PDB file of N, CA and C in Angstrom:
ATOM      1  N   UNK A   1     180.753 -32.923 153.091  1.00  0.00           N
ATOM      2  CA  UNK A   1     181.136 -33.692 154.253  1.00  0.00           C
ATOM      3  C   UNK A   1     179.891 -34.234 154.926  1.00  0.00           C
ATOM      4  N   UNK A   2     180.107 -35.274 155.652  1.00  0.00           N
ATOM      5  CA  UNK A   2     179.017 -35.927 156.348  1.00  0.00           C
ATOM      6  C   UNK A   2     178.770 -35.207 157.679  1.00  0.00           C
ATOM      7  N   UNK A   3     177.500 -34.915 157.964  1.00  0.00           N
ATOM      8  CA  UNK A   3     177.153 -34.177 159.185  1.00  0.00           C
ATOM      9  C   UNK A   3     177.417 -35.005 160.433  1.00  0.00           C
ATOM     10  N   UNK A   4     177.322 -36.307 160.344  1.00  0.00           N
ATOM     11  CA  UNK A   4     177.558 -37.134 161.528  1.00  0.00           C
ATOM     12  C   UNK A   4     179.034 -37.114 161.925  1.00  0.00           C
ATOM     13  N   UNK A   5     179.932 -36.980 160.929  1.00  0.00           N
ATOM     14  CA  UNK A   5     181.359 -36.876 161.253  1.00  0.00           C
ATOM     15  C   UNK A   5     181.631 -35.597 162.032  1.00  0.00           C
ATOM     16  N   UNK A   6     181.002 -34.501 161.613  1.00  0.00           N
ATOM     17  CA  UNK A   6     181.171 -33.242 162.324  1.00  0.00           C
ATOM     18  C   UNK A   6     180.616 -33.335 163.736  1.00  0.00           C
ATOM     19  N   UNK A   7     179.485 -33.972 163.890  1.00  0.00           N
ATOM     20  CA  UNK A   7     178.890 -34.130 165.211  1.00  0.00           C
ATOM     21  C   UNK A   7     179.768 -34.986 166.114  1.00  0.00           C
ATOM     22  N   UNK A   8     180.301 -36.070 165.554  1.00  0.00           N
ATOM     23  CA  UNK A   8     181.185 -36.934 166.345  1.00  0.00           C
ATOM     24  C   UNK A   8     182.474 -36.199 166.732  1.00  0.00           C
ATOM     25  N   UNK A   9     183.035 -35.442 165.792  1.00  0.00           N
ATOM     26  CA  UNK A   9     184.263 -34.697 166.074  1.00  0.00           C
ATOM     27  C   UNK A   9     184.015 -33.652 167.152  1.00  0.00           C
ATOM     28  N   UNK A  10     182.886 -32.953 167.074  1.00  0.00           N
ATOM     29  CA  UNK A  10     182.552 -31.951 168.084  1.00  0.00           C
ATOM     30  C   UNK A  10     182.360 -32.595 169.455  1.00  0.00           C
ATOM     31  N   UNK A  11     181.711 -33.751 169.493  1.00  0.00           N
ATOM     32  CA  UNK A  11     181.495 -34.460 170.751  1.00  0.00           C
ATOM     33  C   UNK A  11     182.825 -34.908 171.366  1.00  0.00           C
ATOM     34  N   UNK A  12     183.726 -35.451 170.545  1.00  0.00           N
ATOM     35  CA  UNK A  12     185.033 -35.878 171.046  1.00  0.00           C
ATOM     36  C   UNK A  12     185.829 -34.673 171.558  1.00  0.00           C
ATOM     37  N   UNK A  13     185.756 -33.542 170.839  1.00  0.00           N
ATOM     38  CA  UNK A  13     186.464 -32.344 171.262  1.00  0.00           C
ATOM     39  C   UNK A  13     185.922 -31.836 172.594  1.00  0.00           C
ATOM     40  N   UNK A  14     184.619 -31.811 172.757  1.00  0.00           N
ATOM     41  CA  UNK A  14     184.012 -31.326 174.003  1.00  0.00           C
ATOM     42  C   UNK A  14     184.369 -32.247 175.164  1.00  0.00           C
ATOM     43  N   UNK A  15     184.316 -33.550 174.940  1.00  0.00           N
ATOM     44  CA  UNK A  15     184.660 -34.495 176.006  1.00  0.00           C
ATOM     45  C   UNK A  15     186.138 -34.349 176.389  1.00  0.00           C
ATOM     46  N   UNK A  16     187.021 -34.230 175.408  1.00  0.00           N
ATOM     47  CA  UNK A  16     188.453 -34.095 175.683  1.00  0.00           C
ATOM     48  C   UNK A  16     188.776 -32.802 176.414  1.00  0.00           C
ATOM     49  N   UNK A  17     188.230 -31.695 175.946  1.00  0.00           N
ATOM     50  CA  UNK A  17     188.504 -30.416 176.595  1.00  0.00           C
ATOM     51  C   UNK A  17     187.864 -30.364 177.980  1.00  0.00           C
ATOM     52  N   UNK A  18     186.712 -30.976 178.137  1.00  0.00           N
ATOM     53  CA  UNK A  18     186.069 -31.030 179.444  1.00  0.00           C
ATOM     54  C   UNK A  18     186.880 -31.849 180.428  1.00  0.00           C
ATOM     55  N   UNK A  19     187.429 -32.956 179.966  1.00  0.00           N
ATOM     56  CA  UNK A  19     188.266 -33.793 180.824  1.00  0.00           C
ATOM     57  C   UNK A  19     189.506 -33.028 181.277  1.00  0.00           C
ATOM     58  N   UNK A  20     190.159 -32.324 180.368  1.00  0.00           N
ATOM     59  CA  UNK A  20     191.355 -31.541 180.714  1.00  0.00           C
ATOM     60  C   UNK A  20     190.983 -30.431 181.697  1.00  0.00           C
ATOM     61  N   UNK A  21     189.857 -29.747 181.470  1.00  0.00           N
ATOM     62  CA  UNK A  21     189.429 -28.673 182.365  1.00  0.00           C
ATOM     63  C   UNK A  21     189.165 -29.206 183.770  1.00  0.00           C
ATOM     64  N   UNK A  22     188.465 -30.334 183.867  1.00  0.00           N
ATOM     65  CA  UNK A  22     188.161 -30.906 185.182  1.00  0.00           C
ATOM     66  C   UNK A  22     189.454 -31.343 185.871  1.00  0.00           C
ATOM     67  N   UNK A  23     190.367 -31.986 185.140  1.00  0.00           N
ATOM     68  CA  UNK A  23     191.625 -32.422 185.730  1.00  0.00           C
ATOM     69  C   UNK A  23     192.426 -31.241 186.249  1.00  0.00           C
ATOM     70  N   UNK A  24     192.543 -30.176 185.452  1.00  0.00           N
ATOM     71  CA  UNK A  24     193.322 -29.018 185.888  1.00  0.00           C
ATOM     72  C   UNK A  24     192.661 -28.335 187.082  1.00  0.00           C
ATOM     73  N   UNK A  25     191.346 -28.273 187.116  1.00  0.00           N
ATOM     74  CA  UNK A  25     190.643 -27.673 188.246  1.00  0.00           C
ATOM     75  C   UNK A  25     190.903 -28.469 189.520  1.00  0.00           C
ATOM     76  N   UNK A  26     190.813 -29.779 189.440  1.00  0.00           N
ATOM     77  CA  UNK A  26     191.068 -30.633 190.605  1.00  0.00           C
ATOM     78  C   UNK A  26     192.524 -30.516 191.038  1.00  0.00           C
ATOM     79  N   UNK A  27     193.456 -30.440 190.084  1.00  0.00           N
ATOM     80  CA  UNK A  27     194.872 -30.331 190.416  1.00  0.00           C
ATOM     81  C   UNK A  27     195.159 -29.008 191.131  1.00  0.00           C
ATOM     82  N   UNK A  28     194.585 -27.911 190.668  1.00  0.00           N
ATOM     83  CA  UNK A  28     194.785 -26.615 191.320  1.00  0.00           C
ATOM     84  C   UNK A  28     194.194 -26.642 192.723  1.00  0.00           C
ATOM     85  N   UNK A  29     193.032 -27.230 192.875  1.00  0.00           N
ATOM     86  CA  UNK A  29     192.398 -27.341 194.197  1.00  0.00           C
ATOM     87  C   UNK A  29     193.279 -28.164 195.149  1.00  0.00           C
ATOM     88  N   UNK A  30     193.812 -29.277 194.640  1.00  0.00           N
ATOM     89  CA  UNK A  30     194.654 -30.138 195.473  1.00  0.00           C
ATOM     90  C   UNK A  30     195.953 -29.427 195.872  1.00  0.00           C
ATOM     91  N   UNK A  31     196.547 -28.669 194.950  1.00  0.00           N
ATOM     92  CA  UNK A  31     197.779 -27.950 195.269  1.00  0.00           C
ATOM     93  C   UNK A  31     197.515 -26.845 196.291  1.00  0.00           C
ATOM     94  N   UNK A  32     196.385 -26.176 196.182  1.00  0.00           N
ATOM     95  CA  UNK A  32     196.030 -25.140 197.151  1.00  0.00           C
ATOM     96  C   UNK A  32     195.810 -25.753 198.535  1.00  0.00           C
ATOM     97  N   UNK A  33     195.109 -26.873 198.588  1.00  0.00           N
ATOM     98  CA  UNK A  33     194.877 -27.562 199.853  1.00  0.00           C
ATOM     99  C   UNK A  33     196.204 -28.045 200.454  1.00  0.00           C
ATOM    100  N   UNK A  34     197.093 -28.561 199.612  1.00  0.00           N
ATOM    101  CA  UNK A  34     198.402 -29.017 200.070  1.00  0.00           C
ATOM    102  C   UNK A  34     199.200 -27.860 200.664  1.00  0.00           C
ATOM    103  N   UNK A  35     199.161 -26.693 200.040  1.00  0.00           N
ATOM    104  CA  UNK A  35     199.864 -25.528 200.570  1.00  0.00           C
ATOM    105  C   UNK A  35     199.334 -25.117 201.932  1.00  0.00           C
ATOM    106  N   UNK A  36     198.012 -25.148 202.106  1.00  0.00           N
ATOM    107  CA  UNK A  36     197.429 -24.781 203.394  1.00  0.00           C
ATOM    108  C   UNK A  36     197.791 -25.790 204.479  1.00  0.00           C
ATOM    109  N   UNK A  37     197.789 -27.073 204.130  1.00  0.00           N
ATOM    110  CA  UNK A  37     198.155 -28.111 205.096  1.00  0.00           C
ATOM    111  C   UNK A  37     199.615 -27.950 205.509  1.00  0.00           C
ATOM    112  N   UNK A  38     200.503 -27.680 204.545  1.00  0.00           N
ATOM    113  CA  UNK A  38     201.920 -27.524 204.873  1.00  0.00           C
ATOM    114  C   UNK A  38     202.176 -26.272 205.710  1.00  0.00           C
ATOM    115  N   UNK A  39     201.434 -25.193 205.480  1.00  0.00           N
ATOM    116  CA  UNK A  39     201.577 -24.006 206.323  1.00  0.00           C
ATOM    117  C   UNK A  39     201.179 -24.326 207.760  1.00  0.00           C
ATOM    118  N   UNK A  40     200.118 -25.086 207.930  1.00  0.00           N
ATOM    119  CA  UNK A  40     199.673 -25.482 209.272  1.00  0.00           C
ATOM    120  C   UNK A  40     200.710 -26.376 209.942  1.00  0.00           C
ATOM    121  N   UNK A  41     201.243 -27.339 209.207  1.00  0.00           N
ATOM    122  CA  UNK A  41     202.240 -28.258 209.752  1.00  0.00           C
ATOM    123  C   UNK A  41     203.515 -27.500 210.125  1.00  0.00           C
ATOM    124  N   UNK A  42     203.918 -26.509 209.300  1.00  0.00           N
ATOM    125  CA  UNK A  42     205.131 -25.744 209.607  1.00  0.00           C
ATOM    126  C   UNK A  42     204.956 -24.865 210.833  1.00  0.00           C
ATOM    127  N   UNK A  43     203.737 -24.478 211.164  1.00  0.00           N
ATOM    128  CA  UNK A  43     203.513 -23.719 212.392  1.00  0.00           C
ATOM    129  C   UNK A  43     203.693 -24.625 213.610  1.00  0.00           C
ATOM    130  N   UNK A  44     203.290 -25.888 213.485  1.00  0.00           N
ATOM    131  CA  UNK A  44     203.409 -26.831 214.599  1.00  0.00           C
ATOM    132  C   UNK A  44     204.845 -27.323 214.740  1.00  0.00           C
ATOM    133  N   UNK A  45     205.433 -27.784 213.632  1.00  0.00           N
ATOM    134  CA  UNK A  45     206.802 -28.301 213.636  1.00  0.00           C
ATOM    135  C   UNK A  45     207.640 -27.478 212.658  1.00  0.00           C
ATOM    136  N   UNK A  46     208.186 -26.344 213.097  1.00  0.00           N
ATOM    137  CA  UNK A  46     208.969 -25.524 212.168  1.00  0.00           C
ATOM    138  C   UNK A  46     210.271 -26.209 211.788  1.00  0.00           C
ATOM    139  N   UNK A  47     210.713 -25.913 210.605  1.00  0.00           N
ATOM    140  CA  UNK A  47     211.947 -26.503 210.103  1.00  0.00           C
ATOM    141  C   UNK A  47     213.129 -25.772 210.722  1.00  0.00           C
ATOM    142  N   UNK A  48     214.123 -26.523 211.187  1.00  0.00           N
ATOM    143  CA  UNK A  48     215.292 -25.918 211.804  1.00  0.00           C
ATOM    144  C   UNK A  48     216.186 -25.312 210.728  1.00  0.00           C
ATOM    145  N   UNK A  49     216.654 -24.096 210.994  1.00  0.00           N
ATOM    146  CA  UNK A  49     217.548 -23.412 210.067  1.00  0.00           C
ATOM    147  C   UNK A  49     218.966 -23.618 210.566  1.00  0.00           C
ATOM    148  N   UNK A  50     219.821 -24.248 209.763  1.00  0.00           N
ATOM    149  CA  UNK A  50     221.195 -24.489 210.219  1.00  0.00           C
ATOM    150  C   UNK A  50     221.954 -23.176 210.333  1.00  0.00           C
ATOM    151  N   UNK A  51     222.821 -23.104 211.343  1.00  0.00           N
ATOM    152  CA  UNK A  51     223.629 -21.905 211.558  1.00  0.00           C
ATOM    153  C   UNK A  51     224.759 -21.890 210.546  1.00  0.00           C
ATOM    154  N   UNK A  52     225.007 -20.740 209.975  1.00  0.00           N
ATOM    155  CA  UNK A  52     226.050 -20.618 208.958  1.00  0.00           C
ATOM    156  C   UNK A  52     227.415 -20.885 209.587  1.00  0.00           C
ATOM    157  N   UNK A  53     228.216 -21.685 208.914  1.00  0.00           N
ATOM    158  CA  UNK A  53     229.553 -22.018 209.409  1.00  0.00           C
ATOM    159  C   UNK A  53     230.478 -20.826 209.210  1.00  0.00           C
ATOM    160  N   UNK A  54     231.314 -20.586 210.196  1.00  0.00           N
ATOM    161  CA  UNK A  54     232.265 -19.485 210.099  1.00  0.00           C
ATOM    162  C   UNK A  54     233.409 -19.910 209.196  1.00  0.00           C
ATOM    163  N   UNK A  55     233.891 -19.004 208.350  1.00  0.00           N
ATOM    164  CA  UNK A  55     235.006 -19.375 207.468  1.00  0.00           C
ATOM    165  C   UNK A  55     236.273 -19.616 208.272  1.00  0.00           C
ATOM    166  N   UNK A  56     237.049 -20.597 207.842  1.00  0.00           N
ATOM    167  CA  UNK A  56     238.298 -20.937 208.534  1.00  0.00           C
ATOM    168  C   UNK A  56     239.325 -19.845 208.269  1.00  0.00           C
ATOM    169  N   UNK A  57     240.071 -19.499 209.311  1.00  0.00           N
ATOM    170  CA  UNK A  57     241.107 -18.481 209.174  1.00  0.00           C
ATOM    171  C   UNK A  57     242.377 -19.127 208.642  1.00  0.00           C
ATOM    172  N   UNK A  58     243.061 -18.396 207.802  1.00  0.00           N
ATOM    173  CA  UNK A  58     244.318 -18.894 207.268  1.00  0.00           C
ATOM    174  C   UNK A  58     245.409 -18.765 208.323  1.00  0.00           C
ATOM    175  N   UNK A  59     246.343 -19.701 208.291  1.00  0.00           N
ATOM    176  CA  UNK A  59     247.432 -19.674 209.267  1.00  0.00           C
ATOM    177  C   UNK A  59     248.302 -18.449 209.051  1.00  0.00           C
ATOM    178  N   UNK A  60     248.686 -18.200 207.826  1.00  0.00           N
ATOM    179  CA  UNK A  60     249.515 -17.038 207.520  1.00  0.00           C
ATOM    180  C   UNK A  60     248.637 -16.004 206.826  1.00  0.00           C
ATOM    181  N   UNK A  61     248.613 -14.810 207.364  1.00  0.00           N
ATOM    182  CA  UNK A  61     247.806 -13.746 206.783  1.00  0.00           C
ATOM    183  C   UNK A  61     248.570 -13.133 205.606  1.00  0.00           C
ATOM    184  N   UNK A  62     248.277 -13.611 204.389  1.00  0.00           N
ATOM    185  CA  UNK A  62     248.921 -13.076 203.194  1.00  0.00           C
ATOM    186  C   UNK A  62     247.865 -12.386 202.346  1.00  0.00           C
ATOM    187  N   UNK A  63     248.296 -11.428 201.582  1.00  0.00           N
ATOM    188  CA  UNK A  63     247.355 -10.725 200.725  1.00  0.00           C
ATOM    189  C   UNK A  63     247.109 -11.541 199.461  1.00  0.00           C
ATOM    190  N   UNK A  64     246.056 -11.219 198.782  1.00  0.00           N
ATOM    191  CA  UNK A  64     245.730 -11.927 197.543  1.00  0.00           C
ATOM    192  C   UNK A  64     246.768 -11.659 196.461  1.00  0.00           C
ATOM    193  N   UNK A  65     247.366 -10.453 196.464  1.00  0.00           N
ATOM    194  CA  UNK A  65     248.382 -10.125 195.462  1.00  0.00           C
ATOM    195  C   UNK A  65     249.602 -11.018 195.606  1.00  0.00           C
ATOM    196  N   UNK A  66     249.997 -11.294 196.836  1.00  0.00           N
ATOM    197  CA  UNK A  66     251.151 -12.154 197.060  1.00  0.00           C
ATOM    198  C   UNK A  66     250.867 -13.576 196.590  1.00  0.00           C
ATOM    199  N   UNK A  67     249.646 -14.051 196.817  1.00  0.00           N
ATOM    200  CA  UNK A  67     249.280 -15.401 196.379  1.00  0.00           C
ATOM    201  C   UNK A  67     249.256 -15.489 194.864  1.00  0.00           C
ATOM    202  N   UNK A  68     248.750 -14.460 194.202  1.00  0.00           N
ATOM    203  CA  UNK A  68     248.708 -14.450 192.740  1.00  0.00           C
ATOM    204  C   UNK A  68     250.118 -14.421 192.174  1.00  0.00           C
ATOM    205  N   UNK A  69     250.974 -13.590 192.753  1.00  0.00           N
ATOM    206  CA  UNK A  69     252.356 -13.512 192.282  1.00  0.00           C
ATOM    207  C   UNK A  69     253.073 -14.846 192.467  1.00  0.00           C
ATOM    208  N   UNK A  70     252.817 -15.496 193.588  1.00  0.00           N
ATOM    209  CA  UNK A  70     253.435 -16.797 193.833  1.00  0.00           C
ATOM    210  C   UNK A  70     252.938 -17.837 192.829  1.00  0.00           C
ATOM    211  N   UNK A  71     251.653 -17.823 192.514  1.00  0.00           N
ATOM    212  CA  UNK A  71     251.099 -18.776 191.554  1.00  0.00           C
ATOM    213  C   UNK A  71     251.676 -18.545 190.166  1.00  0.00           C
ATOM    214  N   UNK A  72     251.847 -17.279 189.777  1.00  0.00           N
ATOM    215  CA  UNK A  72     252.433 -16.972 188.461  1.00  0.00           C
ATOM    216  C   UNK A  72     253.889 -17.420 188.409  1.00  0.00           C
ATOM    217  N   UNK A  73     254.628 -17.176 189.487  1.00  0.00           N
ATOM    218  CA  UNK A  73     256.033 -17.579 189.524  1.00  0.00           C
ATOM    219  C   UNK A  73     256.171 -19.097 189.443  1.00  0.00           C
ATOM    220  N   UNK A  74     255.307 -19.810 190.134  1.00  0.00           N
ATOM    221  CA  UNK A  74     255.358 -21.276 190.093  1.00  0.00           C
ATOM    222  C   UNK A  74     255.017 -21.785 188.700  1.00  0.00           C
ATOM    223  N   UNK A  75     254.047 -21.184 188.056  1.00  0.00           N
ATOM    224  CA  UNK A  75     253.656 -21.617 186.710  1.00  0.00           C
ATOM    225  C   UNK A  75     254.773 -21.341 185.718  1.00  0.00           C
ATOM    226  N   UNK A  76     255.411 -20.188 185.841  1.00  0.00           N
ATOM    227  CA  UNK A  76     256.514 -19.874 184.916  1.00  0.00           C
ATOM    228  C   UNK A  76     257.708 -20.791 185.142  1.00  0.00           C
ATOM    229  N   UNK A  77     257.984 -21.126 186.416  1.00  0.00           N
ATOM    230  CA  UNK A  77     259.097 -22.031 186.714  1.00  0.00           C
ATOM    231  C   UNK A  77     258.805 -23.428 186.161  1.00  0.00           C
ATOM    232  N   UNK A  78     257.564 -23.851 186.261  1.00  0.00           N
ATOM    233  CA  UNK A  78     257.177 -25.169 185.756  1.00  0.00           C
ATOM    234  C   UNK A  78     257.287 -25.222 184.241  1.00  0.00           C
ATOM    235  N   UNK A  79     256.958 -24.097 183.580  1.00  0.00           N
ATOM    236  CA  UNK A  79     257.021 -24.055 182.124  1.00  0.00           C
ATOM    237  C   UNK A  79     258.440 -23.843 181.621  1.00  0.00           C
ATOM    238  N   UNK A  80     259.360 -23.506 182.525  1.00  0.00           N
ATOM    239  CA  UNK A  80     260.754 -23.306 182.126  1.00  0.00           C
ATOM    240  C   UNK A  80     261.025 -21.913 181.594  1.00  0.00           C
ATOM    241  N   UNK A  81     260.125 -20.985 181.826  1.00  0.00           N
ATOM    242  CA  UNK A  81     260.315 -19.607 181.355  1.00  0.00           C
ATOM    243  C   UNK A  81     260.803 -18.771 182.530  1.00  0.00           C
ATOM    244  N   UNK A  82     261.651 -17.815 182.222  1.00  0.00           N
ATOM    245  CA  UNK A  82     262.178 -16.935 183.244  1.00  0.00           C
ATOM    246  C   UNK A  82     261.604 -15.550 183.049  1.00  0.00           C
ATOM    247  N   UNK A  83     261.404 -14.862 184.134  1.00  0.00           N
ATOM    248  CA  UNK A  83     260.863 -13.510 184.055  1.00  0.00           C
ATOM    249  C   UNK A  83     261.891 -12.572 183.463  1.00  0.00           C
ATOM    250  N   UNK A  84     261.429 -11.600 182.706  1.00  0.00           N
ATOM    251  CA  UNK A  84     262.328 -10.651 182.042  1.00  0.00           C
ATOM    252  C   UNK A  84     262.639  -9.521 182.978  1.00  0.00           C
TER     253      UNK A  84
END
């Protein structure tokens, strides 16, 4: 093999890996700075937490068993089957 090809390949590899390393280092630095800025901003203007909505009460207080039985009866009536 030609020694200049190896030298060129090594140079391209070093430049490429160096570029990726520098980019990732700058990106991590920027994300860390962004986190610190957002923590500072949230101390000044905190985000409002919405109050949880209360569940609506049912008009007729029926148990779940009665609702299930009613649903089964309606399905059987619709299918034309009668209970044994």
